[in-house]
Protein backbone atom coordinates (compact mmCIF):
# COMPACT_ATOMS: atom_id res chain seq x y z
CA MET A 1 -53.89 107.91 190.00
CA SER A 2 -56.95 109.17 188.63
CA ILE A 3 -60.34 108.67 190.52
CA ALA A 4 -61.52 106.34 187.66
CA LEU A 5 -58.75 104.12 187.86
CA ILE A 6 -59.21 103.87 191.53
CA ALA A 7 -63.07 102.93 191.19
CA VAL A 8 -62.35 100.44 188.61
CA LEU A 9 -59.58 98.81 190.89
CA ALA A 10 -62.22 98.86 194.10
CA MET A 11 -64.78 97.43 191.70
CA VAL A 12 -62.46 94.57 190.63
CA MET A 13 -61.25 93.91 194.21
CA LEU A 14 -64.55 93.92 195.84
CA GLY A 15 -66.28 92.11 193.13
CA SER A 16 -66.10 88.72 194.82
CA VAL A 17 -66.89 89.67 198.19
CA ALA A 18 -70.43 90.28 199.14
CA SER A 19 -72.59 89.98 202.64
CA ALA A 20 -76.23 89.61 203.34
CA GLY A 21 -77.42 92.05 205.67
CA ASP A 22 -75.39 92.69 208.79
CA GLY A 23 -73.50 89.06 208.39
CA PRO A 24 -69.96 88.94 207.86
CA PRO A 25 -68.41 89.17 204.42
CA TYR A 26 -68.37 86.01 202.00
CA ARG A 27 -66.14 85.21 199.21
CA ARG A 28 -65.99 82.32 196.56
CA THR A 29 -64.00 79.26 197.41
CA THR A 30 -63.04 79.26 193.60
CA PRO A 31 -63.07 82.01 191.13
CA ARG A 32 -64.78 79.42 188.75
CA GLY A 33 -68.05 79.71 191.00
CA SER A 34 -70.46 82.57 190.88
CA PHE A 35 -71.59 84.40 194.09
CA GLY A 36 -74.27 87.21 194.89
CA ALA A 37 -76.53 88.46 197.20
CA ASP A 38 -80.56 89.05 196.86
CA GLY A 39 -81.33 91.08 199.63
CA PRO A 40 -80.63 88.84 202.74
CA GLU A 41 -80.32 85.67 200.31
CA LEU A 42 -76.72 84.66 199.22
CA LEU A 43 -76.80 83.00 195.80
CA VAL A 44 -74.19 80.59 194.73
CA GLY A 45 -73.30 78.89 191.86
CA VAL A 46 -70.42 76.29 191.46
CA PRO A 47 -68.58 74.35 188.95
CA GLY A 48 -68.34 70.45 189.13
CA GLY A 49 -65.49 68.32 190.68
CA ARG A 50 -65.21 68.70 194.70
CA ALA A 51 -67.60 70.69 197.02
CA TRP A 52 -67.23 74.53 196.03
CA GLY A 53 -69.34 77.42 197.19
CA ILE A 54 -68.60 80.28 199.41
CA GLU A 55 -67.18 81.01 202.68
CA SER A 56 -67.21 83.90 205.32
CA ALA A 57 -64.43 85.78 206.90
CA LEU A 58 -62.91 84.46 209.99
CA ILE A 59 -65.39 85.19 212.88
CA PRO A 60 -64.45 84.76 216.48
CA VAL A 61 -65.78 82.02 218.59
CA PRO A 62 -68.74 83.24 221.02
CA GLU A 63 -68.05 83.58 224.64
CA GLU A 64 -71.44 81.76 225.37
CA ARG A 65 -73.02 78.59 223.62
CA THR A 66 -74.85 80.02 220.59
CA GLY A 67 -76.26 78.66 217.24
CA PHE A 68 -78.01 79.82 214.29
CA ARG A 69 -80.55 78.66 211.90
CA ALA A 70 -79.85 78.34 207.81
CA THR A 71 -82.28 77.59 205.22
CA LEU A 72 -80.97 76.04 202.00
CA GLU A 73 -83.08 76.19 198.79
CA VAL A 74 -81.59 73.64 196.01
CA SER A 75 -82.96 74.87 192.44
CA ASP A 76 -80.76 73.59 190.08
CA PRO A 77 -80.99 69.80 189.08
CA LEU A 78 -77.36 69.53 188.48
CA VAL A 79 -76.55 69.83 191.97
CA ARG A 80 -76.03 66.55 193.62
CA GLU A 81 -76.23 68.22 197.20
CA ALA A 82 -75.55 71.47 199.12
CA PHE A 83 -74.88 72.18 202.78
CA VAL A 84 -73.63 74.11 205.50
CA ARG A 85 -70.21 73.67 206.94
CA ILE A 86 -68.19 75.19 209.87
CA ALA A 87 -64.76 75.01 209.72
CA TRP A 88 -62.79 75.63 213.05
CA TYR A 89 -59.32 77.34 213.45
CA ASP A 90 -57.01 77.89 216.32
CA ARG A 91 -56.19 81.46 215.27
CA ALA A 92 -58.35 84.26 214.30
CA THR A 93 -56.05 86.56 212.00
CA GLY A 94 -53.90 85.60 209.22
CA ARG A 95 -54.59 82.54 206.99
CA PRO A 96 -54.93 79.86 209.42
CA ARG A 97 -55.58 76.44 208.69
CA GLN A 98 -58.82 74.46 209.59
CA PHE A 99 -58.21 72.00 212.22
CA ALA A 100 -62.01 70.68 212.49
CA LEU A 101 -65.16 70.54 210.60
CA THR A 102 -68.87 70.31 211.24
CA ASP A 103 -71.28 69.49 208.55
CA ALA A 104 -75.36 70.11 208.67
CA ARG A 105 -77.36 67.64 206.76
CA PHE A 106 -77.20 67.60 203.01
CA VAL A 107 -80.05 69.37 200.88
CA ARG A 108 -80.96 67.79 197.66
CA ALA A 109 -81.97 69.24 194.48
CA GLY A 110 -85.75 70.54 194.45
CA GLU A 111 -85.66 70.72 198.39
CA THR A 112 -85.74 73.63 200.70
CA ALA A 113 -84.50 72.92 204.16
CA THR A 114 -84.04 74.63 207.41
CA VAL A 115 -81.42 73.57 210.06
CA GLU A 116 -80.64 74.70 213.50
CA VAL A 117 -76.72 74.53 213.83
CA ALA A 118 -75.00 74.98 217.34
CA LEU A 119 -71.80 76.76 217.44
CA ASP A 120 -70.07 73.96 219.49
CA PRO A 121 -66.43 74.46 218.96
CA PRO A 122 -64.00 71.86 219.66
CA PRO A 123 -61.14 72.29 222.27
CA GLY A 124 -58.30 74.85 220.81
CA ALA A 125 -61.04 76.61 218.53
CA VAL A 126 -60.81 80.58 218.59
CA ALA A 127 -62.53 81.30 215.19
CA TYR A 128 -64.40 79.77 212.68
CA ARG A 129 -65.43 80.46 208.95
CA LEU A 130 -69.26 79.84 207.94
CA ARG A 131 -69.50 77.65 204.35
CA VAL A 132 -72.27 77.04 201.97
CA LEU A 133 -70.74 74.34 199.61
CA ALA A 134 -72.10 72.23 196.84
CA ARG A 135 -71.27 69.36 194.77
CA LEU A 136 -72.47 68.51 191.47
CA ARG A 137 -73.69 65.48 189.75
CA ALA A 138 -71.07 65.65 186.79
CA PRO A 139 -67.31 67.00 187.33
CA GLU A 140 -67.23 68.79 184.37
CA ALA A 141 -70.82 70.89 184.73
CA PHE A 142 -71.29 74.44 185.81
CA SER A 143 -74.56 75.14 187.84
CA ALA A 144 -76.67 78.00 187.20
CA PRO A 145 -75.50 81.29 189.26
CA ASP A 146 -78.38 80.86 191.84
CA ALA A 147 -78.32 77.26 192.17
CA VAL A 148 -78.31 77.44 195.84
CA ARG A 149 -80.12 80.22 197.83
CA ALA A 150 -79.15 80.41 201.59
CA ILE A 151 -80.30 82.66 204.22
CA PHE A 152 -78.90 82.83 207.91
CA SER A 153 -80.62 83.84 211.05
CA SER A 154 -78.95 86.02 213.50
CA ILE A 155 -76.80 84.16 216.25
CA PHE A 156 -78.98 83.10 219.29
CA PRO A 157 -78.31 81.78 222.69
CA TRP A 158 -78.14 77.88 222.43
CA ARG A 159 -79.86 75.75 225.45
CA THR A 160 -77.75 73.37 227.32
CA GLY A 161 -79.13 69.62 226.40
CA VAL A 162 -80.04 70.59 222.77
CA PRO A 163 -78.60 68.22 220.17
CA PRO A 164 -75.94 70.29 218.12
CA VAL A 165 -77.27 69.95 214.79
CA ARG A 166 -81.32 69.57 214.54
CA LEU A 167 -83.66 69.40 211.69
CA LEU A 168 -86.73 71.91 211.69
CA PRO A 169 -90.11 70.58 210.19
């Protein structure tokens, strides 16, 4: 194989996968969506219909109780709502099926919100995927490629007694 062909194949295979900073790689949940990164920010565009967006690779559940902050900015008026979802899995390899979900609050068009999310796995969870999803107002619509901007903090220790999801001012 020529070097040019290998380079083209690599670009095609990696074209829908990106990461922000030191975080896990992310991919689109539908090929009709758009995804990119602007420094540490993840840029998400979605088609109409159900909730679409991006998801991380499988991440092992931490040994200790931890959490993270997520800031979502929704700039496209076609977006009805955007949110962060954690999908929980009972296996950390292959293509396991999710068995539980944790959703943060919805962020509407024109809003920017930061939420703290506890990584509080249900019994049996050994891995999770972090998702940024959005729903549009019209099923046939397409959002702007940067309709939703998301940025995540590093994982930090979570104090006992703190609610699993808490809005920041």
